[in-house]
Amino acid sequence: MIQSNIDEQGIALITWNLPGRANVLNAGSMAAFAVEVEQALADAAVVGIVVASAKDHFILGGDLKEIAALPDVATTVKMGREFHRIFRRLETGGKPVAMAITGLALGGGLELCLAGHYRVALNSGKVQMGFPEVNLGLLPGAGGTQRFPRLVGLQAALLPLLTARLMRPAEALKLGLVNELAETPEAVLDAARAWILGGGAAVQPWDVRGFTTPGMDMTSAGTTFLYAGTAGMVRQKTGGNYPAANAILDCLYEGLQMAFDQALEVEIRHFAYVAQSKVARHMIRSLFFNMNVAKGGGARPTGFPGSRVEKLGVLGAGMMGAGIAYVSAKA
């Protein structure tokens, strides 16, 4: 369920609280969100929008069940274009939008945050932000490969996009991913409202005439070396077996040389082809669906209750034995 309330100062608070445990982006939730956005933009009494979550996280990303069920590239492109349309409507609607981040903002959840004009995060260890898509054979498909580097700079964006590294609030603030930290959830909302009432600008940097991506000069040797070096690192680490990482680099290289709306089209086409690849489908099945079944004890034979292993002995010191010992010690 996504609801909105307008306070006495004219600020519309749009709150994500989907049924079930998690807030995720899918066709249904995005359609509901779009309705609330349109109502807020059309209401002359609304001076700005705050987007928040009623759960202990913000949004955990895209709905992998829905992504895995997409039948072909054309359907995937159609879905992605609709997500892009909604986010663009939010950021170009003429009213300031602040994001109140009080929990995990991952994948599409962070991409939604980037479509706001201002981001306030809770200064807490439970708050992390990042793009985990590459670990599931995917790439950010809701504008992340284009908004993130335009906001923080090309070089700063590379590792979070390519390695799925999560960022804590202090790092996100230093990077420029968030604009402000607050110490309590209530203070996060207060800061978001204060920014709007203080005359927050309802325009994104990339929609200002003459904007250029920080650190992005395609005529410079430094940019050429940065791309070449990063491509080499990706090849060394993946052996060419993970197309998502290469697709992210392609999105950056191609998209950052284009106008923003054209760049979004580049991103969604790369996302669609990667999402429909066997690699992505197998990784999603193995590393998400099957992993969740295993963690929930779904493969445990009946009559064998769960137990905690206190000591473990490994016979053999070869590659497999060493690997088992290592992951067991890290568990």
C-alpha atoms as a PDB file:
ATOM      1  CA  MET A   1       0.000   0.000   0.000  1.00  0.00           C
ATOM      2  CA  ILE A   2       1.237   3.465  -0.893  1.00  0.00           C
ATOM      3  CA  GLN A   3      -0.522   6.363   0.788  1.00  0.00           C
ATOM      4  CA  SER A   4      -0.151  10.115   0.852  1.00  0.00           C
ATOM      5  CA  ASN A   5      -1.095  12.732   3.398  1.00  0.00           C
ATOM      6  CA  ILE A   6      -0.883  16.499   3.056  1.00  0.00           C
ATOM      7  CA  ASP A   7       0.072  18.443   6.165  1.00  0.00           C
ATOM      8  CA  GLU A   8      -1.007  21.946   7.120  1.00  0.00           C
ATOM      9  CA  GLN A   9       2.086  23.395   5.429  1.00  0.00           C
ATOM     10  CA  GLY A  10       1.196  21.865   2.078  1.00  0.00           C
ATOM     11  CA  ILE A  11       3.766  19.060   2.042  1.00  0.00           C
ATOM     12  CA  ALA A  12       2.586  15.735   0.616  1.00  0.00           C
ATOM     13  CA  LEU A  13       4.088  12.753   2.439  1.00  0.00           C
ATOM     14  CA  ILE A  14       4.014   9.683   0.175  1.00  0.00           C
ATOM     15  CA  THR A  15       4.661   6.580   2.275  1.00  0.00           C
ATOM     16  CA  TRP A  16       5.629   3.138   0.968  1.00  0.00           C
ATOM     17  CA  ASN A  17       4.167   0.292   3.024  1.00  0.00           C
ATOM     18  CA  LEU A  18       3.470  -2.626   0.703  1.00  0.00           C
ATOM     19  CA  PRO A  19       1.713  -5.767   1.971  1.00  0.00           C
ATOM     20  CA  GLY A  20       4.179  -8.383   3.156  1.00  0.00           C
ATOM     21  CA  ARG A  21       7.666  -7.977   4.522  1.00  0.00           C
ATOM     22  CA  ALA A  22       9.337  -5.864   1.858  1.00  0.00           C
ATOM     23  CA  ASN A  23       8.882  -2.734  -0.204  1.00  0.00           C
ATOM     24  CA  VAL A  24       9.892  -3.589  -3.779  1.00  0.00           C
ATOM     25  CA  LEU A  25       9.495  -1.983  -7.177  1.00  0.00           C
ATOM     26  CA  ASN A  26       7.177  -3.837  -9.512  1.00  0.00           C
ATOM     27  CA  ALA A  27       4.443  -2.967 -11.982  1.00  0.00           C
ATOM     28  CA  GLY A  28       1.782  -2.763  -9.285  1.00  0.00           C
ATOM     29  CA  SER A  29       3.697  -0.711  -6.741  1.00  0.00           C
ATOM     30  CA  MET A  30       5.006   1.678  -9.373  1.00  0.00           C
ATOM     31  CA  ALA A  31       1.507   2.223 -10.783  1.00  0.00           C
ATOM     32  CA  ALA A  32       0.234   3.010  -7.288  1.00  0.00           C
ATOM     33  CA  PHE A  33       3.162   5.336  -6.661  1.00  0.00           C
ATOM     34  CA  ALA A  34       2.536   7.118  -9.971  1.00  0.00           C
ATOM     35  CA  VAL A  35      -1.070   7.827  -8.933  1.00  0.00           C
ATOM     36  CA  GLU A  36       0.072   9.464  -5.691  1.00  0.00           C
ATOM     37  CA  VAL A  37       2.730  11.477  -7.512  1.00  0.00           C
ATOM     38  CA  GLU A  38       0.262  12.771 -10.099  1.00  0.00           C
ATOM     39  CA  GLN A  39      -2.226  13.766  -7.423  1.00  0.00           C
ATOM     40  CA  ALA A  40       0.433  15.681  -5.504  1.00  0.00           C
ATOM     41  CA  LEU A  41       1.713  17.440  -8.614  1.00  0.00           C
ATOM     42  CA  ALA A  42      -1.801  18.413  -9.687  1.00  0.00           C
ATOM     43  CA  ASP A  43      -2.856  19.749  -6.274  1.00  0.00           C
ATOM     44  CA  ALA A  44      -2.251  23.505  -6.109  1.00  0.00           C
ATOM     45  CA  ALA A  45      -2.163  23.293  -2.311  1.00  0.00           C
ATOM     46  CA  VAL A  46       0.900  21.007  -2.387  1.00  0.00           C
ATOM     47  CA  VAL A  47       4.206  22.873  -2.222  1.00  0.00           C
ATOM     48  CA  GLY A  48       6.478  19.827  -2.183  1.00  0.00           C
ATOM     49  CA  ILE A  49       6.711  16.053  -1.796  1.00  0.00           C
ATOM     50  CA  VAL A  50       8.480  13.856   0.755  1.00  0.00           C
ATOM     51  CA  VAL A  51       8.850  10.138  -0.047  1.00  0.00           C
ATOM     52  CA  ALA A  52       9.283   7.830   2.945  1.00  0.00           C
ATOM     53  CA  SER A  53       8.749   4.256   4.130  1.00  0.00           C
ATOM     54  CA  ALA A  54       6.683   2.884   7.007  1.00  0.00           C
ATOM     55  CA  LYS A  55       8.871  -0.236   7.211  1.00  0.00           C
ATOM     56  CA  ASP A  56      12.289  -0.673   8.814  1.00  0.00           C
ATOM     57  CA  HIS A  57      13.808  -0.328   5.340  1.00  0.00           C
ATOM     58  CA  PHE A  58      13.189   2.132   2.516  1.00  0.00           C
ATOM     59  CA  ILE A  59      12.893  -0.037  -0.611  1.00  0.00           C
ATOM     60  CA  LEU A  60      14.869  -3.245  -1.177  1.00  0.00           C
ATOM     61  CA  GLY A  61      15.005  -3.027  -4.965  1.00  0.00           C
ATOM     62  CA  GLY A  62      13.184  -4.520  -7.907  1.00  0.00           C
ATOM     63  CA  ASP A  63      10.829  -7.474  -7.642  1.00  0.00           C
ATOM     64  CA  LEU A  64      13.009 -10.369  -8.776  1.00  0.00           C
ATOM     65  CA  LYS A  65      10.027 -12.673  -9.240  1.00  0.00           C
ATOM     66  CA  GLU A  66       8.565 -10.209 -11.709  1.00  0.00           C
ATOM     67  CA  ILE A  67      11.900  -9.680 -13.463  1.00  0.00           C
ATOM     68  CA  ALA A  68      12.486 -13.433 -13.778  1.00  0.00           C
ATOM     69  CA  ALA A  69       9.019 -13.873 -15.286  1.00  0.00           C
ATOM     70  CA  LEU A  70       9.478 -11.277 -18.039  1.00  0.00           C
ATOM     71  CA  PRO A  71       9.153 -13.280 -21.266  1.00  0.00           C
ATOM     72  CA  ASP A  72      11.301 -11.315 -23.705  1.00  0.00           C
ATOM     73  CA  VAL A  73      13.393  -8.229 -24.378  1.00  0.00           C
ATOM     74  CA  ALA A  74      10.485  -6.172 -25.734  1.00  0.00           C
ATOM     75  CA  THR A  75       8.399  -6.704 -22.594  1.00  0.00           C
ATOM     76  CA  THR A  76      11.371  -5.851 -20.406  1.00  0.00           C
ATOM     77  CA  VAL A  77      12.020  -2.642 -22.337  1.00  0.00           C
ATOM     78  CA  LYS A  78       8.358  -1.654 -22.032  1.00  0.00           C
ATOM     79  CA  MET A  79       8.415  -2.139 -18.260  1.00  0.00           C
ATOM     80  CA  GLY A  80      11.664  -0.211 -17.898  1.00  0.00           C
ATOM     81  CA  ARG A  81      10.407   2.706 -19.964  1.00  0.00           C
ATOM     82  CA  GLU A  82       7.374   2.999 -17.688  1.00  0.00           C
ATOM     83  CA  PHE A  83       9.607   3.088 -14.600  1.00  0.00           C
ATOM     84  CA  HIS A  84      11.719   5.772 -16.272  1.00  0.00           C
ATOM     85  CA  ARG A  85       8.615   7.763 -17.172  1.00  0.00           C
ATOM     86  CA  ILE A  86       7.385   7.776 -13.567  1.00  0.00           C
ATOM     87  CA  PHE A  87      10.764   8.799 -12.159  1.00  0.00           C
ATOM     88  CA  ARG A  88      11.148  11.535 -14.765  1.00  0.00           C
ATOM     89  CA  ARG A  89       7.676  12.811 -13.973  1.00  0.00           C
ATOM     90  CA  LEU A  90       8.637  12.984 -10.306  1.00  0.00           C
ATOM     91  CA  GLU A  91      11.818  14.969 -10.904  1.00  0.00           C
ATOM     92  CA  THR A  92      10.495  17.261 -13.652  1.00  0.00           C
ATOM     93  CA  GLY A  93       7.033  17.912 -12.220  1.00  0.00           C
ATOM     94  CA  GLY A  94       7.944  21.370 -10.948  1.00  0.00           C
ATOM     95  CA  LYS A  95       7.665  20.652  -7.219  1.00  0.00           C
ATOM     96  CA  PRO A  96      10.600  19.933  -4.885  1.00  0.00           C
ATOM     97  CA  VAL A  97      10.943  16.279  -3.883  1.00  0.00           C
ATOM     98  CA  ALA A  98      12.858  15.108  -0.808  1.00  0.00           C
ATOM     99  CA  MET A  99      13.645  11.495   0.069  1.00  0.00           C
ATOM    100  CA  ALA A 100      13.507  10.378   3.719  1.00  0.00           C
ATOM    101  CA  ILE A 101      15.842   7.375   3.939  1.00  0.00           C
ATOM    102  CA  THR A 102      15.455   5.568   7.271  1.00  0.00           C
ATOM    103  CA  GLY A 103      16.564   2.068   6.287  1.00  0.00           C
ATOM    104  CA  LEU A 104      18.085   0.010   3.491  1.00  0.00           C
ATOM    105  CA  ALA A 105      17.812   1.658   0.076  1.00  0.00           C
ATOM    106  CA  LEU A 106      19.010  -0.901  -2.448  1.00  0.00           C
ATOM    107  CA  GLY A 107      18.888  -1.194  -6.214  1.00  0.00           C
ATOM    108  CA  GLY A 108      15.673   0.330  -7.484  1.00  0.00           C
ATOM    109  CA  GLY A 109      15.070   1.814  -4.048  1.00  0.00           C
ATOM    110  CA  LEU A 110      18.249   3.850  -4.312  1.00  0.00           C
ATOM    111  CA  GLU A 111      17.387   4.714  -7.900  1.00  0.00           C
ATOM    112  CA  LEU A 112      14.107   6.183  -6.648  1.00  0.00           C
ATOM    113  CA  CYS A 113      16.080   8.228  -4.118  1.00  0.00           C
ATOM    114  CA  LEU A 114      18.221   9.595  -6.939  1.00  0.00           C
ATOM    115  CA  ALA A 115      15.078  10.813  -8.701  1.00  0.00           C
ATOM    116  CA  GLY A 116      14.426  13.137  -5.769  1.00  0.00           C
ATOM    117  CA  HIS A 117      15.996  16.580  -5.569  1.00  0.00           C
ATOM    118  CA  TYR A 118      17.202  16.169  -1.963  1.00  0.00           C
ATOM    119  CA  ARG A 119      18.063  13.149   0.171  1.00  0.00           C
ATOM    120  CA  VAL A 120      18.097  12.970   3.970  1.00  0.00           C
ATOM    121  CA  ALA A 121      19.363   9.746   5.560  1.00  0.00           C
ATOM    122  CA  LEU A 122      19.148   8.395   9.085  1.00  0.00           C
ATOM    123  CA  ASN A 123      22.621   8.334  10.637  1.00  0.00           C
ATOM    124  CA  SER A 124      22.360   4.729  11.770  1.00  0.00           C
ATOM    125  CA  GLY A 125      24.204   1.478  11.244  1.00  0.00           C
ATOM    126  CA  LYS A 126      21.038  -0.123   9.892  1.00  0.00           C
ATOM    127  CA  VAL A 127      21.000   2.258   6.940  1.00  0.00           C
ATOM    128  CA  GLN A 128      22.937   1.171   3.867  1.00  0.00           C
ATOM    129  CA  MET A 129      22.670   2.238   0.254  1.00  0.00           C
ATOM    130  CA  GLY A 130      23.928   0.568  -2.879  1.00  0.00           C
ATOM    131  CA  PHE A 131      23.402  -1.222  -6.165  1.00  0.00           C
ATOM    132  CA  PRO A 132      23.518  -5.013  -5.594  1.00  0.00           C
ATOM    133  CA  GLU A 133      22.225  -5.855  -9.072  1.00  0.00           C
ATOM    134  CA  VAL A 134      25.551  -6.972 -10.527  1.00  0.00           C
ATOM    135  CA  ASN A 135      25.728  -9.791  -7.954  1.00  0.00           C
ATOM    136  CA  LEU A 136      22.560 -11.222  -9.498  1.00  0.00           C
ATOM    137  CA  GLY A 137      23.659 -10.831 -13.099  1.00  0.00           C
ATOM    138  CA  LEU A 138      21.733  -7.582 -13.581  1.00  0.00           C
ATOM    139  CA  LEU A 139      22.453  -3.872 -13.827  1.00  0.00           C
ATOM    140  CA  PRO A 140      20.557  -0.890 -12.407  1.00  0.00           C
ATOM    141  CA  GLY A 141      17.645  -0.407 -14.784  1.00  0.00           C
ATOM    142  CA  ALA A 142      15.689   2.478 -13.266  1.00  0.00           C
ATOM    143  CA  GLY A 143      18.167   5.235 -14.060  1.00  0.00           C
ATOM    144  CA  GLY A 144      20.968   4.294 -11.680  1.00  0.00           C
ATOM    145  CA  THR A 145      23.719   4.075 -14.289  1.00  0.00           C
ATOM    146  CA  GLN A 146      22.876   7.613 -15.428  1.00  0.00           C
ATOM    147  CA  ARG A 147      21.793   9.578 -12.345  1.00  0.00           C
ATOM    148  CA  PHE A 148      24.452   8.232  -9.982  1.00  0.00           C
ATOM    149  CA  PRO A 149      27.559   9.204 -12.004  1.00  0.00           C
ATOM    150  CA  ARG A 150      25.988  12.522 -12.975  1.00  0.00           C
ATOM    151  CA  LEU A 151      25.547  13.226  -9.272  1.00  0.00           C
ATOM    152  CA  VAL A 152      28.832  12.012  -7.743  1.00  0.00           C
ATOM    153  CA  GLY A 153      31.166  11.881 -10.744  1.00  0.00           C
ATOM    154  CA  LEU A 154      32.274   9.078 -13.019  1.00  0.00           C
ATOM    155  CA  GLN A 155      35.230   7.814 -11.003  1.00  0.00           C
ATOM    156  CA  ALA A 156      33.333   7.764  -7.700  1.00  0.00           C
ATOM    157  CA  ALA A 157      30.445   5.868  -9.293  1.00  0.00           C
ATOM    158  CA  LEU A 158      32.438   3.029 -10.827  1.00  0.00           C
ATOM    159  CA  LEU A 159      33.133   0.784  -7.835  1.00  0.00           C
ATOM    160  CA  PRO A 160      29.676   0.986  -6.218  1.00  0.00           C
ATOM    161  CA  LEU A 161      28.083   0.083  -9.548  1.00  0.00           C
ATOM    162  CA  LEU A 162      30.545  -2.658 -10.508  1.00  0.00           C
ATOM    163  CA  THR A 163      31.162  -4.309  -7.137  1.00  0.00           C
ATOM    164  CA  ALA A 164      27.768  -3.943  -5.404  1.00  0.00           C
ATOM    165  CA  ARG A 165      29.536  -2.362  -2.434  1.00  0.00           C
ATOM    166  CA  LEU A 166      27.084  -0.923   0.076  1.00  0.00           C
ATOM    167  CA  MET A 167      27.599   2.541   1.533  1.00  0.00           C
ATOM    168  CA  ARG A 168      26.936   3.753   5.071  1.00  0.00           C
ATOM    169  CA  PRO A 169      25.324   7.166   5.638  1.00  0.00           C
ATOM    170  CA  ALA A 170      28.582   8.988   6.452  1.00  0.00           C
ATOM    171  CA  GLU A 171      30.221   7.728   3.259  1.00  0.00           C
ATOM    172  CA  ALA A 172      27.123   8.559   1.221  1.00  0.00           C
ATOM    173  CA  LEU A 173      27.170  12.098   2.616  1.00  0.00           C
ATOM    174  CA  LYS A 174      30.854  12.551   1.801  1.00  0.00           C
ATOM    175  CA  LEU A 175      30.292  11.190  -1.687  1.00  0.00           C
ATOM    176  CA  GLY A 176      27.383  13.538  -2.324  1.00  0.00           C
ATOM    177  CA  LEU A 177      24.855  10.741  -2.646  1.00  0.00           C
ATOM    178  CA  VAL A 178      22.865  12.164   0.274  1.00  0.00           C
ATOM    179  CA  ASN A 179      22.626  15.819   1.252  1.00  0.00           C
ATOM    180  CA  GLU A 180      22.021  15.605   4.980  1.00  0.00           C
ATOM    181  CA  LEU A 181      22.063  13.187   7.928  1.00  0.00           C
ATOM    182  CA  ALA A 182      19.680  13.171  10.885  1.00  0.00           C
ATOM    183  CA  GLU A 183      19.798  11.244  14.145  1.00  0.00           C
ATOM    184  CA  THR A 184      16.213   9.967  14.434  1.00  0.00           C
ATOM    185  CA  PRO A 185      13.518   8.938  11.936  1.00  0.00           C
ATOM    186  CA  GLU A 186      11.434  11.906  13.043  1.00  0.00           C
ATOM    187  CA  ALA A 187      14.369  14.243  12.478  1.00  0.00           C
ATOM    188  CA  VAL A 188      14.816  12.816   8.973  1.00  0.00           C
ATOM    189  CA  LEU A 189      11.253  13.790   8.087  1.00  0.00           C
ATOM    190  CA  ASP A 190      11.657  17.190   9.741  1.00  0.00           C
ATOM    191  CA  ALA A 191      14.824  17.877   7.730  1.00  0.00           C
ATOM    192  CA  ALA A 192      13.147  16.828   4.480  1.00  0.00           C
ATOM    193  CA  ARG A 193      10.213  19.144   5.182  1.00  0.00           C
ATOM    194  CA  ALA A 194      12.511  21.992   6.216  1.00  0.00           C
ATOM    195  CA  TRP A 195      14.410  21.770   2.939  1.00  0.00           C
ATOM    196  CA  ILE A 196      11.168  22.073   0.973  1.00  0.00           C
ATOM    197  CA  LEU A 197       9.874  24.977   3.065  1.00  0.00           C
ATOM    198  CA  GLY A 198      13.263  26.667   2.771  1.00  0.00           C
ATOM    199  CA  GLY A 199      12.859  26.977  -0.983  1.00  0.00           C
ATOM    200  CA  GLY A 200      14.450  23.750  -2.201  1.00  0.00           C
ATOM    201  CA  ALA A 201      15.042  23.776  -5.945  1.00  0.00           C
ATOM    202  CA  ALA A 202      12.763  21.517  -7.992  1.00  0.00           C
ATOM    203  CA  VAL A 203      15.313  20.792 -10.707  1.00  0.00           C
ATOM    204  CA  GLN A 204      17.977  18.146 -11.164  1.00  0.00           C
ATOM    205  CA  PRO A 205      21.547  19.123 -12.083  1.00  0.00           C
ATOM    206  CA  TRP A 206      21.346  17.102 -15.313  1.00  0.00           C
ATOM    207  CA  ASP A 207      18.287  19.080 -16.422  1.00  0.00           C
ATOM    208  CA  VAL A 208      20.152  22.387 -16.238  1.00  0.00           C
ATOM    209  CA  ARG A 209      21.424  23.671 -19.581  1.00  0.00           C
ATOM    210  CA  GLY A 210      25.163  23.203 -19.953  1.00  0.00           C
ATOM    211  CA  PHE A 211      25.465  20.456 -17.334  1.00  0.00           C
ATOM    212  CA  THR A 212      28.429  18.101 -17.636  1.00  0.00           C
ATOM    213  CA  THR A 213      29.135  14.998 -15.578  1.00  0.00           C
ATOM    214  CA  PRO A 214      31.840  15.629 -12.955  1.00  0.00           C
ATOM    215  CA  GLY A 215      35.118  14.106 -14.109  1.00  0.00           C
ATOM    216  CA  MET A 216      33.710  13.237 -17.522  1.00  0.00           C
ATOM    217  CA  ASP A 217      35.779  14.694 -20.347  1.00  0.00           C
ATOM    218  CA  MET A 218      35.835  12.215 -23.202  1.00  0.00           C
ATOM    219  CA  THR A 219      38.646  14.138 -24.882  1.00  0.00           C
ATOM    220  CA  SER A 220      40.998  13.752 -21.919  1.00  0.00           C
ATOM    221  CA  ALA A 221      43.594  11.026 -21.586  1.00  0.00           C
ATOM    222  CA  GLY A 222      42.585  10.580 -17.948  1.00  0.00           C
ATOM    223  CA  THR A 223      39.050   9.520 -18.852  1.00  0.00           C
ATOM    224  CA  THR A 224      40.359   7.162 -21.518  1.00  0.00           C
ATOM    225  CA  PHE A 225      42.752   5.539 -19.063  1.00  0.00           C
ATOM    226  CA  LEU A 226      40.006   5.297 -16.433  1.00  0.00           C
ATOM    227  CA  TYR A 227      37.689   3.419 -18.774  1.00  0.00           C
ATOM    228  CA  ALA A 228      40.447   1.202 -20.139  1.00  0.00           C
ATOM    229  CA  GLY A 229      41.771   0.371 -16.693  1.00  0.00           C
ATOM    230  CA  THR A 230      38.325  -0.384 -15.324  1.00  0.00           C
ATOM    231  CA  ALA A 231      37.458  -2.561 -18.305  1.00  0.00           C
ATOM    232  CA  GLY A 232      40.682  -4.490 -17.763  1.00  0.00           C
ATOM    233  CA  MET A 233      39.895  -4.951 -14.074  1.00  0.00           C
ATOM    234  CA  VAL A 234      36.413  -6.223 -14.907  1.00  0.00           C
ATOM    235  CA  ARG A 235      37.823  -8.668 -17.443  1.00  0.00           C
ATOM    236  CA  GLN A 236      40.411  -9.938 -14.979  1.00  0.00           C
ATOM    237  CA  LYS A 237      37.870 -10.491 -12.205  1.00  0.00           C
ATOM    238  CA  THR A 238      35.033 -11.938 -14.285  1.00  0.00           C
ATOM    239  CA  GLY A 239      36.880 -13.737 -17.063  1.00  0.00           C
ATOM    240  CA  GLY A 240      34.238 -12.401 -19.424  1.00  0.00           C
ATOM    241  CA  ASN A 241      31.600 -14.639 -17.830  1.00  0.00           C
ATOM    242  CA  TYR A 242      29.407 -11.915 -16.300  1.00  0.00           C
ATOM    243  CA  PRO A 243      27.887  -9.711 -19.014  1.00  0.00           C
ATOM    244  CA  ALA A 244      26.231  -7.348 -16.512  1.00  0.00           C
ATOM    245  CA  ALA A 245      29.541  -5.758 -15.511  1.00  0.00           C
ATOM    246  CA  ASN A 246      30.445  -5.036 -19.118  1.00  0.00           C
ATOM    247  CA  ALA A 247      26.939  -3.706 -19.752  1.00  0.00           C
ATOM    248  CA  ILE A 248      27.318  -1.264 -16.852  1.00  0.00           C
ATOM    249  CA  LEU A 249      30.512   0.071 -18.409  1.00  0.00           C
ATOM    250  CA  ASP A 250      28.756   0.367 -21.764  1.00  0.00           C
ATOM    251  CA  CYS A 251      25.896   2.303 -20.144  1.00  0.00           C
ATOM    252  CA  LEU A 252      28.359   4.713 -18.585  1.00  0.00           C
ATOM    253  CA  TYR A 253      30.496   5.173 -21.688  1.00  0.00           C
ATOM    254  CA  GLU A 254      27.577   5.626 -24.071  1.00  0.00           C
ATOM    255  CA  GLY A 255      25.002   7.278 -21.828  1.00  0.00           C
ATOM    256  CA  LEU A 256      27.191   9.936 -20.256  1.00  0.00           C
ATOM    257  CA  GLN A 257      27.897  11.373 -23.695  1.00  0.00           C
ATOM    258  CA  MET A 258      24.186  11.821 -24.434  1.00  0.00           C
ATOM    259  CA  ALA A 259      21.297  13.966 -23.293  1.00  0.00           C
ATOM    260  CA  PHE A 260      19.698  12.473 -20.201  1.00  0.00           C
ATOM    261  CA  ASP A 261      16.526  11.047 -21.757  1.00  0.00           C
ATOM    262  CA  GLN A 262      18.528   9.429 -24.545  1.00  0.00           C
ATOM    263  CA  ALA A 263      20.850   7.970 -21.926  1.00  0.00           C
ATOM    264  CA  LEU A 264      17.929   6.338 -20.130  1.00  0.00           C
ATOM    265  CA  GLU A 265      17.045   4.592 -23.364  1.00  0.00           C
ATOM    266  CA  VAL A 266      20.599   3.241 -23.577  1.00  0.00           C
ATOM    267  CA  GLU A 267      20.321   1.921 -20.040  1.00  0.00           C
ATOM    268  CA  ILE A 268      16.998   0.145 -20.446  1.00  0.00           C
ATOM    269  CA  ARG A 269      18.100  -1.582 -23.643  1.00  0.00           C
ATOM    270  CA  HIS A 270      21.224  -2.914 -21.957  1.00  0.00           C
ATOM    271  CA  PHE A 271      19.166  -3.918 -18.913  1.00  0.00           C
ATOM    272  CA  ALA A 272      16.645  -5.781 -21.051  1.00  0.00           C
ATOM    273  CA  TYR A 273      19.240  -7.833 -22.903  1.00  0.00           C
ATOM    274  CA  VAL A 274      21.132  -8.665 -19.712  1.00  0.00           C
ATOM    275  CA  ALA A 275      17.944  -9.535 -17.794  1.00  0.00           C
ATOM    276  CA  GLN A 276      16.940 -11.946 -20.554  1.00  0.00           C
ATOM    277  CA  SER A 277      20.335 -13.655 -20.621  1.00  0.00           C
ATOM    278  CA  LYS A 278      20.860 -17.175 -19.311  1.00  0.00           C
ATOM    279  CA  VAL A 279      23.528 -15.866 -16.956  1.00  0.00           C
ATOM    280  CA  ALA A 280      21.124 -13.510 -15.185  1.00  0.00           C
ATOM    281  CA  ARG A 281      18.334 -16.052 -14.979  1.00  0.00           C
ATOM    282  CA  HIS A 282      20.641 -18.709 -13.541  1.00  0.00           C
ATOM    283  CA  MET A 283      22.202 -16.298 -11.046  1.00  0.00           C
ATOM    284  CA  ILE A 284      18.811 -15.064  -9.847  1.00  0.00           C
ATOM    285  CA  ARG A 285      17.601 -18.635  -9.444  1.00  0.00           C
ATOM    286  CA  SER A 286      20.721 -19.872  -7.643  1.00  0.00           C
ATOM    287  CA  LEU A 287      21.726 -16.845  -5.587  1.00  0.00           C
ATOM    288  CA  PHE A 288      18.289 -15.535  -4.661  1.00  0.00           C
ATOM    289  CA  PHE A 289      15.448 -18.032  -4.941  1.00  0.00           C
ATOM    290  CA  ASN A 290      17.370 -21.218  -4.139  1.00  0.00           C
ATOM    291  CA  MET A 291      19.451 -19.455  -1.490  1.00  0.00           C
ATOM    292  CA  ASN A 292      16.326 -18.258   0.292  1.00  0.00           C
ATOM    293  CA  VAL A 293      14.889 -21.775   0.193  1.00  0.00           C
ATOM    294  CA  ALA A 294      18.112 -23.145   1.684  1.00  0.00           C
ATOM    295  CA  LYS A 295      18.219 -20.505   4.406  1.00  0.00           C
ATOM    296  CA  GLY A 296      14.629 -21.310   5.307  1.00  0.00           C
ATOM    297  CA  GLY A 297      15.369 -25.015   5.617  1.00  0.00           C
ATOM    298  CA  GLY A 298      13.267 -25.880   2.591  1.00  0.00           C
ATOM    299  CA  ALA A 299      15.554 -28.757   1.583  1.00  0.00           C
ATOM    300  CA  ARG A 300      15.744 -30.269   5.078  1.00  0.00           C
ATOM    301  CA  PRO A 301      14.356 -33.850   5.205  1.00  0.00           C
ATOM    302  CA  THR A 302      11.313 -34.328   7.395  1.00  0.00           C
ATOM    303  CA  GLY A 303      12.043 -35.661  10.843  1.00  0.00           C
ATOM    304  CA  PHE A 304      15.426 -33.936  11.121  1.00  0.00           C
ATOM    305  CA  PRO A 305      15.067 -30.771  13.188  1.00  0.00           C
ATOM    306  CA  GLY A 306      17.476 -27.906  12.734  1.00  0.00           C
ATOM    307  CA  SER A 307      20.575 -27.783  14.909  1.00  0.00           C
ATOM    308  CA  ARG A 308      23.527 -25.504  15.447  1.00  0.00           C
ATOM    309  CA  VAL A 309      26.987 -26.771  14.480  1.00  0.00           C
ATOM    310  CA  GLU A 310      29.486 -25.909  17.210  1.00  0.00           C
ATOM    311  CA  LYS A 311      32.500 -27.822  15.896  1.00  0.00           C
ATOM    312  CA  LEU A 312      33.388 -28.909  12.396  1.00  0.00           C
ATOM    313  CA  GLY A 313      36.175 -31.144  11.174  1.00  0.00           C
ATOM    314  CA  VAL A 314      37.303 -31.244   7.547  1.00  0.00           C
ATOM    315  CA  LEU A 315      39.249 -34.203   6.173  1.00  0.00           C
ATOM    316  CA  GLY A 316      41.414 -33.189   3.255  1.00  0.00           C
ATOM    317  CA  ALA A 317      43.332 -30.019   2.521  1.00  0.00           C
ATOM    318  CA  GLY A 318      42.814 -29.772  -1.224  1.00  0.00           C
ATOM    319  CA  MET A 319      40.928 -27.031  -3.020  1.00  0.00           C
ATOM    320  CA  MET A 320      37.504 -28.270  -1.928  1.00  0.00           C
ATOM    321  CA  GLY A 321      38.531 -28.999   1.647  1.00  0.00           C
ATOM    322  CA  ALA A 322      40.203 -25.625   2.009  1.00  0.00           C
ATOM    323  CA  GLY A 323      37.139 -23.917   0.584  1.00  0.00           C
ATOM    324  CA  ILE A 324      34.784 -25.701   2.973  1.00  0.00           C
ATOM    325  CA  ALA A 325      37.014 -24.825   5.914  1.00  0.00           C
ATOM    326  CA  TYR A 326      37.168 -21.188   4.852  1.00  0.00           C
ATOM    327  CA  VAL A 327      33.433 -20.624   4.405  1.00  0.00           C
ATOM    328  CA  SER A 328      32.715 -22.520   7.619  1.00  0.00           C
ATOM    329  CA  ALA A 329      35.115 -20.317   9.567  1.00  0.00           C
ATOM    330  CA  LYS A 330      33.516 -17.203   8.083  1.00  0.00           C
ATOM    331  CA  ALA A 331      29.948 -18.345   8.851  1.00  0.00           C
END
